[in-house]
Amino acid sequence: MSDTESLNDRLCRVRLVVLDVDGVLTNGELMFDSLGTEYKAFNVHDGYGLRKLLGANVAIGIITGRESPIVASRARELDIAHVIQGASSKAEALSRLLSELNLSEEQTLFIGDDEPDLPAMKMAGISVAVANAVEVVKENADWVTVRSGGEGAVREVCDRLYDALA
């Protein structure tokens, strides 16, 4: 980011928000019952914020290194069409998504929390770390949220982006 260009100026160009899941859309805990069934808790306020952005013609994408039917189900519920699970390289997945959507890196905002997110965050026009992200991610982010992943961090980003686009 140049010294003269504010984050709000850059937010005005965003047309794609890409999220990691564990630690961003959730609090990062992995819960399994004795049969191996996985459980995740999503914040309803985050979901509403993502819906607001979709209504403002901002595409939403999910790129995660894990695979989970719960993520696919939540994405369907929120009308998130761009879901890439099992991504060994989030930067490569982001590059493919940008090509598919005919968007540039500067039109992208990526929200992450851990080291596997860093290459995609560095590629995006705006990189956001949630408050509970590991230190190296926060150090490399353009913006660190006040709220933690799974506890309204995504909504915080959605609201600020929505206001910037209005």
Foldseek 3Di string as FASTA:
>chain_A
DDPPDDPLNLLQLAQEEEEEPQFAQFVNDWDADPVGDTDTAGDVLLLVLLLLSVVVNRAYAYEYLADDVVVVVSCVVSVRPHYHYNDPQVLVSVVVVCVVVVHAQSNYEYEDAEDSCVVSQVSHNFYEYEQNGPPVSVVPGPYYAPHIHRGCRSSVVSVSSSVSND
